[in-house]
Protein backbone atom coordinates (compact mmCIF):
# COMPACT_ATOMS: atom_id res chain seq x y z
CA HIS A 1 -0.47 17.43 12.95
CA ARG A 2 -1.24 14.35 13.39
CA ASP A 3 -1.04 12.93 9.59
CA LEU A 4 2.63 14.86 10.41
CA HIS A 5 3.05 11.74 12.81
CA SER A 6 2.80 9.21 10.31
CA PHE A 7 3.52 9.59 7.22
CA PRO A 8 7.34 8.56 7.69
CA THR A 9 5.23 5.20 9.27
CA ARG A 10 2.84 4.57 6.04
CA ARG A 11 5.22 5.76 3.78
CA SER A 12 7.96 3.44 5.02
CA SER A 13 5.73 0.19 5.39
CA ASP A 14 4.08 0.94 1.80
CA LEU A 15 6.84 1.15 0.10
CA SER A 16 8.74 -1.33 1.54
CA ALA A 17 6.48 -3.75 0.92
CA MET A 18 5.75 -3.21 -2.54
CA LEU A 19 9.65 -3.00 -3.34
CA LEU A 20 9.85 -6.31 -1.70
CA ALA A 21 7.38 -7.81 -3.38
CA TYR A 22 8.72 -6.26 -6.88
CA ARG A 23 12.48 -7.99 -5.41
CA LEU A 24 10.90 -11.38 -5.12
CA PHE A 25 7.92 -11.99 -6.81
CA TYR A 26 8.05 -9.50 -10.17
CA PRO A 27 7.20 -10.64 -12.44
CA ARG A 28 5.24 -14.00 -11.34
CA LEU A 29 3.34 -11.22 -9.53
CA SER A 30 2.47 -7.86 -11.43
CA PHE A 31 1.68 -4.27 -10.93
CA ILE A 32 -1.59 -4.61 -9.87
CA GLY A 33 -1.01 -7.85 -7.16
CA ILE A 34 1.95 -5.33 -6.20
CA GLY A 35 -0.19 -2.53 -5.70
CA VAL A 36 -2.36 -4.04 -3.60
CA ILE A 37 -0.10 -4.96 -1.33
CA GLY A 38 1.25 -1.27 -0.74
CA ALA A 39 -2.33 -0.39 -0.34
CA VAL A 40 -2.68 -2.98 2.63
CA PHE A 41 0.38 -2.05 4.28
CA HIS A 42 -0.21 1.72 4.03
CA ASN A 43 -3.88 1.20 5.82
CA ALA A 44 -2.26 -1.23 8.36
CA ALA A 45 0.53 0.97 9.52
CA GLN A 46 -2.21 3.58 9.73
CA VAL A 47 -4.25 1.83 11.92
CA ALA A 48 -1.42 1.13 13.81
CA VAL A 49 -0.54 4.50 14.13
CA ALA A 50 -4.64 5.79 14.49
CA SER A 51 -4.23 2.74 17.72
CA VAL A 52 -1.20 4.38 19.61
CA ILE A 53 -2.27 7.84 19.11
CA LEU A 54 -5.83 6.79 20.38
CA PHE A 55 -4.62 4.43 22.50
CA ASN A 56 -7.21 2.30 21.65
CA THR A 57 -7.31 -1.07 20.14
CA GLY A 58 -10.75 -0.65 18.64
CA VAL A 59 -9.56 1.42 15.62
CA PHE A 60 -8.70 -2.37 14.60
CA LEU A 61 -12.17 -3.13 13.84
CA TYR A 62 -11.92 -1.18 10.71
CA LEU A 63 -9.03 -3.32 8.84
CA PRO A 64 -11.11 -5.70 7.53
CA VAL A 65 -13.13 -2.51 5.45
CA LEU A 66 -9.92 -0.82 4.64
CA ILE A 67 -8.40 -4.66 3.40
CA ILE A 68 -11.76 -4.50 0.94
CA ILE A 69 -10.82 -1.07 -0.22
CA SER A 70 -7.34 -1.84 -0.84
CA ILE A 71 -8.16 -4.48 -3.23
CA PHE A 72 -9.42 -1.82 -5.32
CA SER A 73 -7.21 1.40 -4.76
CA GLY A 74 -3.66 -1.01 -4.82
CA GLY A 75 -5.53 -2.15 -7.91
CA PHE A 76 -5.95 1.33 -10.01
CA THR A 77 -2.93 1.70 -9.03
CA GLY A 78 -1.36 -1.69 -9.72
CA ILE A 79 -3.21 -0.63 -13.30
CA SER A 80 -1.32 3.12 -13.59
CA SER A 81 2.11 1.26 -12.46
CA HIS A 82 1.01 -1.02 -15.70
CA PHE A 83 0.17 1.48 -18.13
CA ILE A 84 3.43 3.63 -17.56
CA ASN A 85 5.70 1.34 -17.33
CA THR A 86 4.59 0.24 -20.79
CA SER A 87 5.08 3.29 -22.08
CA LEU A 88 8.16 3.75 -21.08
CA LEU A 89 9.48 0.42 -21.90
CA ARG A 90 8.09 1.63 -25.56
CA LYS A 91 10.23 5.21 -25.66
CA GLU A 92 13.12 3.08 -25.32
């Protein structure tokens, strides 16, 4: 139930951040960096929405841990994107 309310916020924040990073910094910033940016913004939006829903700013204490996790999950997303992009470019 609550997840449905935060879905538009999550998707718009991480996709917007990734698109902006891609447009401004690619190819100087790799797909891995772009993935990490998307993951960090995704987690930050999740915490912000949770804070609003719970009327509690204490949830922001989880943000440093989530940012560390974002490095790994965003890195995996970036590596996956790199291999998919390379594979698609070879087929052209």
